[in-house]
């Protein structure tokens, strides 16, 4: 829930900032000289890139949440199976074992979105966020392909 609120606040901030930049960019373009037009177009590019990035991240979050719900509802697979210490921190050795197990499952079933989603969770538990996002993106792509 906290992540959703933060995402909403960030999206609102980007939209507000974007609209301010867009109005400023249009005002600069109205100056009419070639330099002002080029500068104004550059100003317009900044909020466009920001808004595209925010939309992409929100879609990733919505899609990955849908996969987690589907996996829990249909298959009853627990998402968090890694041992934790008394403070709730993931044991690195246990995370590595879990990653190896889930990597082997994904290698055996390269077209199974479930295996890739679980591998993404294992990468995240092992603190490899880049690979975690890549695995979850692949799971999303496979899930959407399976849905038709």
C-alpha atoms as a PDB file:
ATOM      1  CA  UNK A   1       0.000   0.000   0.000  1.00  0.00           C
ATOM      2  CA  UNK A   2       2.837   2.381   0.858  1.00  0.00           C
ATOM      3  CA  UNK A   3       4.408   1.832  -2.567  1.00  0.00           C
ATOM      4  CA  UNK A   4       1.118   2.716  -4.271  1.00  0.00           C
ATOM      5  CA  UNK A   5       0.798   5.942  -2.336  1.00  0.00           C
ATOM      6  CA  UNK A   6       4.394   6.866  -3.137  1.00  0.00           C
ATOM      7  CA  UNK A   7       3.835   6.047  -6.815  1.00  0.00           C
ATOM      8  CA  UNK A   8       0.727   8.226  -6.827  1.00  0.00           C
ATOM      9  CA  UNK A   9       2.545  11.142  -5.218  1.00  0.00           C
ATOM     10  CA  UNK A  10       5.442  10.814  -7.666  1.00  0.00           C
ATOM     11  CA  UNK A  11       3.084  10.595 -10.641  1.00  0.00           C
ATOM     12  CA  UNK A  12       1.237  13.706  -9.478  1.00  0.00           C
ATOM     13  CA  UNK A  13       4.511  15.572  -9.002  1.00  0.00           C
ATOM     14  CA  UNK A  14       5.732  14.603 -12.474  1.00  0.00           C
ATOM     15  CA  UNK A  15       2.402  15.664 -14.002  1.00  0.00           C
ATOM     16  CA  UNK A  16       2.445  19.015 -12.214  1.00  0.00           C
ATOM     17  CA  UNK A  17       6.072  19.624 -13.161  1.00  0.00           C
ATOM     18  CA  UNK A  18       5.345  18.424 -16.696  1.00  0.00           C
ATOM     19  CA  UNK A  19       2.433  20.809 -17.198  1.00  0.00           C
ATOM     20  CA  UNK A  20       4.519  23.694 -15.874  1.00  0.00           C
ATOM     21  CA  UNK A  21       7.325  22.861 -18.299  1.00  0.00           C
ATOM     22  CA  UNK A  22       4.921  22.399 -21.191  1.00  0.00           C
ATOM     23  CA  UNK A  23       3.396  25.837 -20.630  1.00  0.00           C
ATOM     24  CA  UNK A  24       6.873  27.352 -20.348  1.00  0.00           C
ATOM     25  CA  UNK A  25       8.016  25.535 -23.512  1.00  0.00           C
ATOM     26  CA  UNK A  26       5.004  26.793 -25.456  1.00  0.00           C
ATOM     27  CA  UNK A  27       5.641  30.347 -24.255  1.00  0.00           C
ATOM     28  CA  UNK A  28       9.267  30.110 -25.395  1.00  0.00           C
ATOM     29  CA  UNK A  29       8.256  28.697 -28.796  1.00  0.00           C
ATOM     30  CA  UNK A  30       5.837  31.603 -29.291  1.00  0.00           C
ATOM     31  CA  UNK A  31       8.878  33.895 -29.269  1.00  0.00           C
ATOM     32  CA  UNK A  32       9.252  32.913 -32.897  1.00  0.00           C
ATOM     33  CA  UNK A  33      13.003  32.933 -33.461  1.00  0.00           C
ATOM     34  CA  UNK A  34      14.705  29.712 -34.509  1.00  0.00           C
ATOM     35  CA  UNK A  35      16.717  29.571 -31.292  1.00  0.00           C
ATOM     36  CA  UNK A  36      13.589  30.019 -29.184  1.00  0.00           C
ATOM     37  CA  UNK A  37      11.728  27.332 -31.125  1.00  0.00           C
ATOM     38  CA  UNK A  38      14.576  24.830 -30.722  1.00  0.00           C
ATOM     39  CA  UNK A  39      14.944  25.692 -27.039  1.00  0.00           C
ATOM     40  CA  UNK A  40      11.172  25.434 -26.530  1.00  0.00           C
ATOM     41  CA  UNK A  41      11.085  22.009 -28.198  1.00  0.00           C
ATOM     42  CA  UNK A  42      13.884  20.888 -25.885  1.00  0.00           C
ATOM     43  CA  UNK A  43      11.859  22.085 -22.920  1.00  0.00           C
ATOM     44  CA  UNK A  44       8.840  20.125 -24.194  1.00  0.00           C
ATOM     45  CA  UNK A  45      10.953  16.949 -24.479  1.00  0.00           C
ATOM     46  CA  UNK A  46      11.784  16.905 -20.762  1.00  0.00           C
ATOM     47  CA  UNK A  47       8.247  16.383 -19.393  1.00  0.00           C
ATOM     48  CA  UNK A  48       7.443  13.999 -22.228  1.00  0.00           C
ATOM     49  CA  UNK A  49      10.326  11.727 -21.240  1.00  0.00           C
ATOM     50  CA  UNK A  50       9.360  11.989 -17.564  1.00  0.00           C
ATOM     51  CA  UNK A  51       5.721  11.170 -18.198  1.00  0.00           C
ATOM     52  CA  UNK A  52       6.612   8.188 -20.384  1.00  0.00           C
ATOM     53  CA  UNK A  53       8.916   6.884 -17.638  1.00  0.00           C
ATOM     54  CA  UNK A  54       6.229   7.274 -14.968  1.00  0.00           C
ATOM     55  CA  UNK A  55       3.601   5.535 -17.094  1.00  0.00           C
ATOM     56  CA  UNK A  56       6.032   2.702 -17.836  1.00  0.00           C
ATOM     57  CA  UNK A  57       6.800   2.197 -14.145  1.00  0.00           C
ATOM     58  CA  UNK A  58       3.132   2.281 -13.157  1.00  0.00           C
ATOM     59  CA  UNK A  59       2.295  -0.285 -15.852  1.00  0.00           C
ATOM     60  CA  UNK A  60       5.139  -2.494 -14.597  1.00  0.00           C
ATOM     61  CA  UNK A  61       3.796  -2.302 -11.054  1.00  0.00           C
ATOM     62  CA  UNK A  62       0.208  -3.027 -12.080  1.00  0.00           C
ATOM     63  CA  UNK A  63       1.242  -5.923 -14.334  1.00  0.00           C
ATOM     64  CA  UNK A  64       3.565  -7.485 -11.776  1.00  0.00           C
ATOM     65  CA  UNK A  65       0.893  -7.185  -9.066  1.00  0.00           C
ATOM     66  CA  UNK A  66      -1.572  -8.921 -11.372  1.00  0.00           C
ATOM     67  CA  UNK A  67       0.901 -11.766 -11.904  1.00  0.00           C
ATOM     68  CA  UNK A  68       1.450 -12.116  -8.152  1.00  0.00           C
ATOM     69  CA  UNK A  69      -2.314 -12.261  -7.526  1.00  0.00           C
ATOM     70  CA  UNK A  70      -2.830 -14.752 -10.344  1.00  0.00           C
ATOM     71  CA  UNK A  71      -0.037 -16.977  -9.089  1.00  0.00           C
ATOM     72  CA  UNK A  72      -1.389 -16.934  -5.537  1.00  0.00           C
ATOM     73  CA  UNK A  73      -5.030 -17.470  -6.565  1.00  0.00           C
ATOM     74  CA  UNK A  74      -4.599 -20.101  -9.274  1.00  0.00           C
ATOM     75  CA  UNK A  75      -1.606 -22.051  -8.079  1.00  0.00           C
ATOM     76  CA  UNK A  76      -1.375 -21.245  -4.388  1.00  0.00           C
ATOM     77  CA  UNK A  77       2.378 -20.806  -4.761  1.00  0.00           C
ATOM     78  CA  UNK A  78       3.960 -18.917  -1.859  1.00  0.00           C
ATOM     79  CA  UNK A  79       5.975 -15.977  -3.179  1.00  0.00           C
ATOM     80  CA  UNK A  80       8.245 -15.523  -0.172  1.00  0.00           C
ATOM     81  CA  UNK A  81       9.964 -18.769   0.822  1.00  0.00           C
ATOM     82  CA  UNK A  82      13.395 -17.463   1.799  1.00  0.00           C
ATOM     83  CA  UNK A  83      14.632 -17.843   5.355  1.00  0.00           C
ATOM     84  CA  UNK A  84      14.945 -14.636   7.346  1.00  0.00           C
ATOM     85  CA  UNK A  85      16.833 -13.726  10.494  1.00  0.00           C
ATOM     86  CA  UNK A  86      15.196 -12.525  13.710  1.00  0.00           C
ATOM     87  CA  UNK A  87      15.063  -8.961  12.350  1.00  0.00           C
ATOM     88  CA  UNK A  88      13.258 -10.052   9.181  1.00  0.00           C
ATOM     89  CA  UNK A  89      16.264  -9.664   6.886  1.00  0.00           C
ATOM     90  CA  UNK A  90      16.789 -12.225   4.172  1.00  0.00           C
ATOM     91  CA  UNK A  91      19.592 -14.706   4.785  1.00  0.00           C
ATOM     92  CA  UNK A  92      22.001 -14.266   1.821  1.00  0.00           C
ATOM     93  CA  UNK A  93      22.907 -17.962   1.740  1.00  0.00           C
ATOM     94  CA  UNK A  94      19.237 -18.952   1.675  1.00  0.00           C
ATOM     95  CA  UNK A  95      18.547 -16.364  -1.040  1.00  0.00           C
ATOM     96  CA  UNK A  96      21.358 -17.835  -3.153  1.00  0.00           C
ATOM     97  CA  UNK A  97      19.986 -21.377  -2.767  1.00  0.00           C
ATOM     98  CA  UNK A  98      16.491 -20.172  -3.670  1.00  0.00           C
ATOM     99  CA  UNK A  99      17.866 -18.298  -6.698  1.00  0.00           C
ATOM    100  CA  UNK A 100      19.683 -21.420  -7.936  1.00  0.00           C
ATOM    101  CA  UNK A 101      16.528 -23.515  -7.567  1.00  0.00           C
ATOM    102  CA  UNK A 102      14.311 -21.013  -9.341  1.00  0.00           C
ATOM    103  CA  UNK A 103      16.904 -20.380 -12.072  1.00  0.00           C
ATOM    104  CA  UNK A 104      16.938 -24.114 -12.810  1.00  0.00           C
ATOM    105  CA  UNK A 105      13.121 -24.103 -13.016  1.00  0.00           C
ATOM    106  CA  UNK A 106      13.139 -21.152 -15.432  1.00  0.00           C
ATOM    107  CA  UNK A 107      15.807 -22.860 -17.560  1.00  0.00           C
ATOM    108  CA  UNK A 108      13.673 -26.023 -17.712  1.00  0.00           C
ATOM    109  CA  UNK A 109      10.512 -24.109 -18.640  1.00  0.00           C
ATOM    110  CA  UNK A 110      11.606 -21.043 -20.639  1.00  0.00           C
ATOM    111  CA  UNK A 111       8.043 -20.291 -21.788  1.00  0.00           C
ATOM    112  CA  UNK A 112       6.393 -20.500 -18.349  1.00  0.00           C
ATOM    113  CA  UNK A 113       5.585 -17.078 -16.953  1.00  0.00           C
ATOM    114  CA  UNK A 114       5.296 -18.528 -13.448  1.00  0.00           C
ATOM    115  CA  UNK A 115       8.898 -19.750 -13.473  1.00  0.00           C
ATOM    116  CA  UNK A 116      10.147 -16.364 -14.670  1.00  0.00           C
ATOM    117  CA  UNK A 117       8.087 -14.467 -12.130  1.00  0.00           C
ATOM    118  CA  UNK A 118       9.400 -16.623  -9.296  1.00  0.00           C
ATOM    119  CA  UNK A 119      12.922 -16.171 -10.657  1.00  0.00           C
ATOM    120  CA  UNK A 120      12.366 -12.408 -10.540  1.00  0.00           C
ATOM    121  CA  UNK A 121      11.431 -12.682  -6.880  1.00  0.00           C
ATOM    122  CA  UNK A 122      14.540 -14.785  -6.237  1.00  0.00           C
ATOM    123  CA  UNK A 123      16.732 -12.179  -7.963  1.00  0.00           C
ATOM    124  CA  UNK A 124      15.113  -9.476  -5.838  1.00  0.00           C
ATOM    125  CA  UNK A 125      15.755 -11.475  -2.662  1.00  0.00           C
ATOM    126  CA  UNK A 126      19.387 -11.808  -3.765  1.00  0.00           C
ATOM    127  CA  UNK A 127      19.420  -8.000  -4.213  1.00  0.00           C
ATOM    128  CA  UNK A 128      19.982  -8.085  -7.961  1.00  0.00           C
ATOM    129  CA  UNK A 129      17.285  -5.576  -8.876  1.00  0.00           C
ATOM    130  CA  UNK A 130      18.273  -5.234 -12.529  1.00  0.00           C
ATOM    131  CA  UNK A 131      17.956  -8.970 -13.196  1.00  0.00           C
ATOM    132  CA  UNK A 132      14.798  -9.119 -11.060  1.00  0.00           C
ATOM    133  CA  UNK A 133      13.087  -6.508 -13.212  1.00  0.00           C
ATOM    134  CA  UNK A 134      14.250  -8.227 -16.398  1.00  0.00           C
ATOM    135  CA  UNK A 135      12.876 -11.587 -15.246  1.00  0.00           C
ATOM    136  CA  UNK A 136       9.550 -10.053 -14.197  1.00  0.00           C
ATOM    137  CA  UNK A 137       9.312  -8.184 -17.520  1.00  0.00           C
ATOM    138  CA  UNK A 138       9.805 -11.495 -19.310  1.00  0.00           C
ATOM    139  CA  UNK A 139       7.124 -13.070 -17.108  1.00  0.00           C
ATOM    140  CA  UNK A 140       4.738 -10.242 -17.985  1.00  0.00           C
ATOM    141  CA  UNK A 141       5.410 -10.716 -21.699  1.00  0.00           C
ATOM    142  CA  UNK A 142       4.867 -14.478 -21.439  1.00  0.00           C
ATOM    143  CA  UNK A 143       1.701 -13.992 -19.366  1.00  0.00           C
ATOM    144  CA  UNK A 144       0.213 -11.581 -21.892  1.00  0.00           C
ATOM    145  CA  UNK A 145       1.090 -13.949 -24.754  1.00  0.00           C
ATOM    146  CA  UNK A 146      -0.597 -16.828 -22.920  1.00  0.00           C
ATOM    147  CA  UNK A 147      -3.729 -14.735 -22.354  1.00  0.00           C
ATOM    148  CA  UNK A 148      -4.017 -14.223 -26.092  1.00  0.00           C
END
